[in-house]
Amino acid sequence: MTHILDRPAWNALHTAHADLAEGGALAKRYPASIVPFAAPRDDAPDSLAALEALASPGEVMALVEAGPITVPAGLDIIVDSTLVQMITEHAYPRIDDPRIEPLTPDDAEEMLALALLTKPGPFTLGAQRLGTFWGIRIDGRLAAMAGQRMRQPGFAELSGLCTHPDFQKRGLGTLLFRFVAGEISARDEHVYLHAYASNTPAIALYEHLGFRLRSRMNVKIVQPRV
């Protein structure tokens, strides 16, 4: 039996993020201005053709599945890697900390700059359309942030967690991690996240924070063949 998180993008675009979905019944993607995730309905030729048609020249799409990923013939693979998908069953308490503030579209440029510097994963100026992000400012600078990305019924992905190098080793990342997890738990949703399988320090931290491996995930970044 498959789990709803085995195909996180497809199931998110059919449910909690259906209002963001581009495509049709055979393949869907998030707008490129928000996040590159996409997925076909299945591996049937017409579904793969529909997925291929969603990619414009120069754009990339990210395919993430627990099972094998079939890439349409007209798309080139530029990244082929493995993630771990981690989840926690217990609820996190909500945290009340005056340093933490919700971020708004006015913060988008600074958020993108922080993400480009620290590389927490795909991030764009439109990332806030996926869910609320929160941050901590020190001396007027965005020192750390975290938020939510894909959502499915009963589940929400914690994502975008990063701390500026000037403010690391102060516990800001762990604080924001627990804060966002508490906000997700308050909606009676399970928190999950993704990390590259090679990122053993991050995986160890997440295990320390109460997460366990749910599944290894395949990820392929693709783009139209020129």
C-alpha atoms as a PDB file:
ATOM      1  CA  MET A   1       0.000   0.000   0.000  1.00  0.00           C
ATOM      2  CA  THR A   2       1.361   3.412  -0.930  1.00  0.00           C
ATOM      3  CA  HIS A   3       1.553   6.299   1.524  1.00  0.00           C
ATOM      4  CA  ILE A   4       0.326   9.792   0.660  1.00  0.00           C
ATOM      5  CA  LEU A   5       3.887  11.059   1.152  1.00  0.00           C
ATOM      6  CA  ASP A   6       5.363   8.588  -1.344  1.00  0.00           C
ATOM      7  CA  ARG A   7       4.327  11.032  -4.077  1.00  0.00           C
ATOM      8  CA  PRO A   8       4.372  14.325  -2.159  1.00  0.00           C
ATOM      9  CA  ALA A   9       4.096  16.763  -5.063  1.00  0.00           C
ATOM     10  CA  TRP A  10       1.299  14.944  -6.882  1.00  0.00           C
ATOM     11  CA  ASN A  11      -0.749  14.526  -3.728  1.00  0.00           C
ATOM     12  CA  ALA A  12      -0.174  18.120  -2.568  1.00  0.00           C
ATOM     13  CA  LEU A  13      -1.233  19.502  -5.952  1.00  0.00           C
ATOM     14  CA  HIS A  14      -4.415  17.435  -5.814  1.00  0.00           C
ATOM     15  CA  THR A  15      -5.374  18.559  -2.325  1.00  0.00           C
ATOM     16  CA  ALA A  16      -4.069  21.404  -0.152  1.00  0.00           C
ATOM     17  CA  HIS A  17      -2.286  23.150  -3.026  1.00  0.00           C
ATOM     18  CA  ALA A  18      -4.779  22.424  -5.803  1.00  0.00           C
ATOM     19  CA  ASP A  19      -5.303  26.174  -6.211  1.00  0.00           C
ATOM     20  CA  LEU A  20      -1.635  26.509  -7.209  1.00  0.00           C
ATOM     21  CA  ALA A  21      -1.526  23.588  -9.633  1.00  0.00           C
ATOM     22  CA  GLU A  22      -0.661  24.044 -13.292  1.00  0.00           C
ATOM     23  CA  GLY A  23      -1.432  21.266 -15.765  1.00  0.00           C
ATOM     24  CA  GLY A  24      -4.314  18.850 -16.002  1.00  0.00           C
ATOM     25  CA  ALA A  25      -5.446  15.373 -15.082  1.00  0.00           C
ATOM     26  CA  LEU A  26      -2.319  13.676 -16.448  1.00  0.00           C
ATOM     27  CA  ALA A  27       0.454  15.846 -14.967  1.00  0.00           C
ATOM     28  CA  LYS A  28       0.733  18.782 -12.594  1.00  0.00           C
ATOM     29  CA  ARG A  29       3.370  21.210 -11.410  1.00  0.00           C
ATOM     30  CA  TYR A  30       3.735  24.205  -9.153  1.00  0.00           C
ATOM     31  CA  PRO A  31       4.283  27.522 -10.930  1.00  0.00           C
ATOM     32  CA  ALA A  32       7.992  27.920 -11.661  1.00  0.00           C
ATOM     33  CA  SER A  33       7.939  31.218  -9.759  1.00  0.00           C
ATOM     34  CA  ILE A  34       7.042  29.352  -6.552  1.00  0.00           C
ATOM     35  CA  VAL A  35       8.827  25.994  -6.503  1.00  0.00           C
ATOM     36  CA  PRO A  36      10.000  23.551  -9.225  1.00  0.00           C
ATOM     37  CA  PHE A  37       8.174  20.401  -8.046  1.00  0.00           C
ATOM     38  CA  ALA A  38       6.123  18.506 -10.614  1.00  0.00           C
ATOM     39  CA  ALA A  39       4.710  15.008 -11.096  1.00  0.00           C
ATOM     40  CA  PRO A  40       2.886  12.881 -13.673  1.00  0.00           C
ATOM     41  CA  ARG A  41      -0.251  10.958 -12.718  1.00  0.00           C
ATOM     42  CA  ASP A  42       1.590   7.701 -13.456  1.00  0.00           C
ATOM     43  CA  ASP A  43       4.171   6.245 -15.834  1.00  0.00           C
ATOM     44  CA  ALA A  44       1.778   5.832 -18.746  1.00  0.00           C
ATOM     45  CA  PRO A  45       3.043   7.367 -22.013  1.00  0.00           C
ATOM     46  CA  ASP A  46       0.297  10.000 -22.119  1.00  0.00           C
ATOM     47  CA  SER A  47       1.062  11.080 -18.539  1.00  0.00           C
ATOM     48  CA  LEU A  48       4.772  11.397 -19.285  1.00  0.00           C
ATOM     49  CA  ALA A  49       4.014  13.376 -22.437  1.00  0.00           C
ATOM     50  CA  ALA A  50       1.829  15.727 -20.395  1.00  0.00           C
ATOM     51  CA  LEU A  51       4.625  16.184 -17.862  1.00  0.00           C
ATOM     52  CA  GLU A  52       7.124  16.971 -20.597  1.00  0.00           C
ATOM     53  CA  ALA A  53       4.752  19.605 -21.999  1.00  0.00           C
ATOM     54  CA  LEU A  54       4.702  21.453 -18.659  1.00  0.00           C
ATOM     55  CA  ALA A  55       8.384  22.416 -18.887  1.00  0.00           C
ATOM     56  CA  SER A  56       9.172  25.564 -20.847  1.00  0.00           C
ATOM     57  CA  PRO A  57      12.620  26.027 -22.462  1.00  0.00           C
ATOM     58  CA  GLY A  58      15.187  27.006 -19.856  1.00  0.00           C
ATOM     59  CA  GLU A  59      13.024  25.868 -16.921  1.00  0.00           C
ATOM     60  CA  VAL A  60      13.796  23.019 -14.566  1.00  0.00           C
ATOM     61  CA  MET A  61      11.376  20.698 -12.797  1.00  0.00           C
ATOM     62  CA  ALA A  62      12.026  18.589  -9.707  1.00  0.00           C
ATOM     63  CA  LEU A  63      10.537  15.091  -9.548  1.00  0.00           C
ATOM     64  CA  VAL A  64      10.425  13.464  -6.103  1.00  0.00           C
ATOM     65  CA  GLU A  65       9.054   9.962  -5.550  1.00  0.00           C
ATOM     66  CA  ALA A  66       9.597   7.068  -3.154  1.00  0.00           C
ATOM     67  CA  GLY A  67       9.637   4.674  -6.108  1.00  0.00           C
ATOM     68  CA  PRO A  68      11.569   4.702  -9.373  1.00  0.00           C
ATOM     69  CA  ILE A  69      11.172   7.858 -11.474  1.00  0.00           C
ATOM     70  CA  THR A  70      10.551   7.541 -15.201  1.00  0.00           C
ATOM     71  CA  VAL A  71      11.718  10.629 -17.059  1.00  0.00           C
ATOM     72  CA  PRO A  72      10.068  11.577 -20.371  1.00  0.00           C
ATOM     73  CA  ALA A  73      12.297  11.156 -23.406  1.00  0.00           C
ATOM     74  CA  GLY A  74      12.314  14.884 -24.156  1.00  0.00           C
ATOM     75  CA  LEU A  75      13.721  15.896 -20.771  1.00  0.00           C
ATOM     76  CA  ASP A  76      17.362  15.766 -19.721  1.00  0.00           C
ATOM     77  CA  ILE A  77      18.354  14.798 -16.174  1.00  0.00           C
ATOM     78  CA  ILE A  78      20.664  17.392 -14.641  1.00  0.00           C
ATOM     79  CA  VAL A  79      20.550  16.099 -11.041  1.00  0.00           C
ATOM     80  CA  ASP A  80      19.934  12.494  -9.967  1.00  0.00           C
ATOM     81  CA  SER A  81      20.147  12.049  -6.206  1.00  0.00           C
ATOM     82  CA  THR A  82      18.579  10.541  -3.098  1.00  0.00           C
ATOM     83  CA  LEU A  83      16.710  12.217  -0.267  1.00  0.00           C
ATOM     84  CA  VAL A  84      15.518  10.996   3.071  1.00  0.00           C
ATOM     85  CA  GLN A  85      11.977  11.823   4.071  1.00  0.00           C
ATOM     86  CA  MET A  86      11.680  12.122   7.836  1.00  0.00           C
ATOM     87  CA  ILE A  87       8.547  12.393   9.947  1.00  0.00           C
ATOM     88  CA  THR A  88       7.467  12.665  13.551  1.00  0.00           C
ATOM     89  CA  GLU A  89       4.299  11.248  15.054  1.00  0.00           C
ATOM     90  CA  HIS A  90       4.311  13.305  18.227  1.00  0.00           C
ATOM     91  CA  ALA A  91       2.906  16.822  18.451  1.00  0.00           C
ATOM     92  CA  TYR A  92       5.227  19.736  19.131  1.00  0.00           C
ATOM     93  CA  PRO A  93       4.114  22.379  21.635  1.00  0.00           C
ATOM     94  CA  ARG A  94       3.547  25.909  20.385  1.00  0.00           C
ATOM     95  CA  ILE A  95       6.304  28.358  21.286  1.00  0.00           C
ATOM     96  CA  ASP A  96       5.791  31.969  22.273  1.00  0.00           C
ATOM     97  CA  ASP A  97       9.023  33.868  21.638  1.00  0.00           C
ATOM     98  CA  PRO A  98       9.008  37.633  20.972  1.00  0.00           C
ATOM     99  CA  ARG A  99      12.027  37.347  18.678  1.00  0.00           C
ATOM    100  CA  ILE A 100      10.068  35.296  16.139  1.00  0.00           C
ATOM    101  CA  GLU A 101       7.913  37.230  13.689  1.00  0.00           C
ATOM    102  CA  PRO A 102       5.893  36.224  10.616  1.00  0.00           C
ATOM    103  CA  LEU A 103       7.552  37.226   7.378  1.00  0.00           C
ATOM    104  CA  THR A 104       5.606  39.027   4.647  1.00  0.00           C
ATOM    105  CA  PRO A 105       5.977  39.645   0.902  1.00  0.00           C
ATOM    106  CA  ASP A 106       7.948  42.773   1.834  1.00  0.00           C
ATOM    107  CA  ASP A 107      10.636  40.429   3.201  1.00  0.00           C
ATOM    108  CA  ALA A 108      10.829  38.276   0.049  1.00  0.00           C
ATOM    109  CA  GLU A 109      14.023  39.775  -1.366  1.00  0.00           C
ATOM    110  CA  GLU A 110      15.875  39.366   1.924  1.00  0.00           C
ATOM    111  CA  MET A 111      14.522  35.838   2.342  1.00  0.00           C
ATOM    112  CA  LEU A 112      15.725  34.873  -1.122  1.00  0.00           C
ATOM    113  CA  ALA A 113      19.155  36.369  -0.430  1.00  0.00           C
ATOM    114  CA  LEU A 114      19.438  34.322   2.779  1.00  0.00           C
ATOM    115  CA  ALA A 115      18.327  31.150   0.981  1.00  0.00           C
ATOM    116  CA  LEU A 116      20.804  31.691  -1.858  1.00  0.00           C
ATOM    117  CA  LEU A 117      23.577  32.176   0.688  1.00  0.00           C
ATOM    118  CA  THR A 118      22.774  29.122   2.835  1.00  0.00           C
ATOM    119  CA  LYS A 119      21.166  26.810   0.230  1.00  0.00           C
ATOM    120  CA  PRO A 120      18.401  25.116   2.267  1.00  0.00           C
ATOM    121  CA  GLY A 121      16.799  23.855  -0.964  1.00  0.00           C
ATOM    122  CA  PRO A 122      14.773  25.306  -3.843  1.00  0.00           C
ATOM    123  CA  PHE A 123      13.610  28.801  -2.899  1.00  0.00           C
ATOM    124  CA  THR A 124      12.046  31.647  -4.863  1.00  0.00           C
ATOM    125  CA  LEU A 125      10.527  35.066  -4.318  1.00  0.00           C
ATOM    126  CA  GLY A 126       7.110  33.383  -4.432  1.00  0.00           C
ATOM    127  CA  ALA A 127       7.840  30.755  -1.761  1.00  0.00           C
ATOM    128  CA  GLN A 128       5.466  32.378   0.732  1.00  0.00           C
ATOM    129  CA  ARG A 129       2.495  31.347  -1.396  1.00  0.00           C
ATOM    130  CA  LEU A 130       3.082  27.796  -0.125  1.00  0.00           C
ATOM    131  CA  GLY A 131       2.592  28.718   3.532  1.00  0.00           C
ATOM    132  CA  THR A 132       3.676  31.050   6.298  1.00  0.00           C
ATOM    133  CA  PHE A 133       7.352  31.703   6.971  1.00  0.00           C
ATOM    134  CA  TRP A 134       8.772  33.095  10.198  1.00  0.00           C
ATOM    135  CA  GLY A 135      12.059  34.780  10.928  1.00  0.00           C
ATOM    136  CA  ILE A 136      14.321  36.247  13.585  1.00  0.00           C
ATOM    137  CA  ARG A 137      15.958  39.619  13.036  1.00  0.00           C
ATOM    138  CA  ILE A 138      19.097  40.794  14.794  1.00  0.00           C
ATOM    139  CA  ASP A 139      20.134  44.424  14.411  1.00  0.00           C
ATOM    140  CA  GLY A 140      17.600  44.760  11.606  1.00  0.00           C
ATOM    141  CA  ARG A 141      19.029  41.844   9.599  1.00  0.00           C
ATOM    142  CA  LEU A 142      17.228  38.590   8.831  1.00  0.00           C
ATOM    143  CA  ALA A 143      19.316  36.187  10.883  1.00  0.00           C
ATOM    144  CA  ALA A 144      17.283  33.000  10.466  1.00  0.00           C
ATOM    145  CA  MET A 145      14.029  31.767   8.953  1.00  0.00           C
ATOM    146  CA  ALA A 146      11.891  28.680   8.451  1.00  0.00           C
ATOM    147  CA  GLY A 147       8.481  27.904   7.027  1.00  0.00           C
ATOM    148  CA  GLN A 148       6.254  25.411   5.259  1.00  0.00           C
ATOM    149  CA  ARG A 149       6.339  23.994   1.756  1.00  0.00           C
ATOM    150  CA  MET A 150       4.226  21.084   0.456  1.00  0.00           C
ATOM    151  CA  ARG A 151       1.020  20.103   2.253  1.00  0.00           C
ATOM    152  CA  GLN A 152      -1.231  17.066   2.055  1.00  0.00           C
ATOM    153  CA  PRO A 153      -4.276  16.172   4.186  1.00  0.00           C
ATOM    154  CA  GLY A 154      -2.924  15.632   7.692  1.00  0.00           C
ATOM    155  CA  PHE A 155       0.689  16.508   6.782  1.00  0.00           C
ATOM    156  CA  ALA A 156       2.832  19.606   6.254  1.00  0.00           C
ATOM    157  CA  GLU A 157       6.467  19.864   5.178  1.00  0.00           C
ATOM    158  CA  LEU A 158       8.799  21.987   7.284  1.00  0.00           C
ATOM    159  CA  SER A 159      11.204  23.701   4.902  1.00  0.00           C
ATOM    160  CA  GLY A 160      13.392  26.718   4.218  1.00  0.00           C
ATOM    161  CA  LEU A 161      15.219  26.396   7.539  1.00  0.00           C
ATOM    162  CA  CYS A 162      18.410  28.426   7.410  1.00  0.00           C
ATOM    163  CA  THR A 163      20.602  30.696   9.529  1.00  0.00           C
ATOM    164  CA  HIS A 164      22.924  33.403   8.262  1.00  0.00           C
ATOM    165  CA  PRO A 165      26.591  32.457   8.869  1.00  0.00           C
ATOM    166  CA  ASP A 166      27.050  35.605  10.990  1.00  0.00           C
ATOM    167  CA  PHE A 167      24.470  34.325  13.488  1.00  0.00           C
ATOM    168  CA  GLN A 168      25.119  30.598  13.632  1.00  0.00           C
ATOM    169  CA  LYS A 169      25.799  28.628  16.829  1.00  0.00           C
ATOM    170  CA  ARG A 170      23.205  30.653  18.765  1.00  0.00           C
ATOM    171  CA  GLY A 171      20.430  28.041  18.625  1.00  0.00           C
ATOM    172  CA  LEU A 172      18.305  30.130  16.245  1.00  0.00           C
ATOM    173  CA  GLY A 173      17.794  27.308  13.760  1.00  0.00           C
ATOM    174  CA  THR A 174      16.662  24.854  16.414  1.00  0.00           C
ATOM    175  CA  LEU A 175      14.345  27.465  17.922  1.00  0.00           C
ATOM    176  CA  LEU A 176      12.702  28.186  14.566  1.00  0.00           C
ATOM    177  CA  PHE A 177      12.512  24.481  13.786  1.00  0.00           C
ATOM    178  CA  ARG A 178      10.593  23.832  17.002  1.00  0.00           C
ATOM    179  CA  PHE A 179       8.447  26.926  16.450  1.00  0.00           C
ATOM    180  CA  VAL A 180       7.317  25.950  12.941  1.00  0.00           C
ATOM    181  CA  ALA A 181       6.779  22.344  14.032  1.00  0.00           C
ATOM    182  CA  GLY A 182       4.566  23.657  16.843  1.00  0.00           C
ATOM    183  CA  GLU A 183       2.506  25.747  14.425  1.00  0.00           C
ATOM    184  CA  ILE A 184       1.979  22.706  12.184  1.00  0.00           C
ATOM    185  CA  SER A 185       1.088  20.489  15.144  1.00  0.00           C
ATOM    186  CA  ALA A 186      -1.454  23.081  16.293  1.00  0.00           C
ATOM    187  CA  ARG A 187      -3.383  22.349  13.084  1.00  0.00           C
ATOM    188  CA  ASP A 188      -3.416  18.639  13.986  1.00  0.00           C
ATOM    189  CA  GLU A 189      -1.039  17.895  11.123  1.00  0.00           C
ATOM    190  CA  HIS A 190       2.047  15.689  11.165  1.00  0.00           C
ATOM    191  CA  VAL A 191       5.365  17.419  10.457  1.00  0.00           C
ATOM    192  CA  TYR A 192       7.676  15.978   7.835  1.00  0.00           C
ATOM    193  CA  LEU A 193      10.779  17.150   6.002  1.00  0.00           C
ATOM    194  CA  HIS A 194      13.311  16.196   3.369  1.00  0.00           C
ATOM    195  CA  ALA A 195      17.103  16.200   3.462  1.00  0.00           C
ATOM    196  CA  TYR A 196      19.732  14.913   1.080  1.00  0.00           C
ATOM    197  CA  ALA A 197      20.760  11.422   2.150  1.00  0.00           C
ATOM    198  CA  SER A 198      24.394  12.575   2.196  1.00  0.00           C
ATOM    199  CA  ASN A 199      23.675  15.355   4.714  1.00  0.00           C
ATOM    200  CA  THR A 200      24.407  13.251   7.781  1.00  0.00           C
ATOM    201  CA  PRO A 201      24.793  16.181  10.231  1.00  0.00           C
ATOM    202  CA  ALA A 202      21.300  17.467   9.397  1.00  0.00           C
ATOM    203  CA  ILE A 203      19.816  13.972   9.618  1.00  0.00           C
ATOM    204  CA  ALA A 204      21.412  13.456  13.036  1.00  0.00           C
ATOM    205  CA  LEU A 205      19.965  16.778  14.216  1.00  0.00           C
ATOM    206  CA  TYR A 206      16.487  15.881  13.012  1.00  0.00           C
ATOM    207  CA  GLU A 207      16.704  12.516  14.758  1.00  0.00           C
ATOM    208  CA  HIS A 208      17.721  14.330  17.948  1.00  0.00           C
ATOM    209  CA  LEU A 209      14.646  16.543  17.535  1.00  0.00           C
ATOM    210  CA  GLY A 210      12.343  13.526  17.407  1.00  0.00           C
ATOM    211  CA  PHE A 211      12.168  12.634  13.720  1.00  0.00           C
ATOM    212  CA  ARG A 212      12.630   9.214  12.156  1.00  0.00           C
ATOM    213  CA  LEU A 213      13.243   8.010   8.636  1.00  0.00           C
ATOM    214  CA  ARG A 214       9.956   7.331   6.854  1.00  0.00           C
ATOM    215  CA  SER A 215      11.317   6.606   3.398  1.00  0.00           C
ATOM    216  CA  ARG A 216      14.240   7.122   1.105  1.00  0.00           C
ATOM    217  CA  MET A 217      13.179   9.264  -1.844  1.00  0.00           C
ATOM    218  CA  ASN A 218      14.470   9.556  -5.376  1.00  0.00           C
ATOM    219  CA  VAL A 219      14.868  13.054  -6.799  1.00  0.00           C
ATOM    220  CA  LYS A 220      15.606  14.016 -10.376  1.00  0.00           C
ATOM    221  CA  ILE A 221      15.992  17.593 -11.592  1.00  0.00           C
ATOM    222  CA  VAL A 222      15.092  17.760 -15.274  1.00  0.00           C
ATOM    223  CA  GLN A 223      14.934  20.316 -18.058  1.00  0.00           C
ATOM    224  CA  PRO A 224      13.760  20.285 -21.680  1.00  0.00           C
ATOM    225  CA  ARG A 225      16.258  18.886 -24.139  1.00  0.00           C
ATOM    226  CA  VAL A 226      17.692  21.586 -26.373  1.00  0.00           C
END
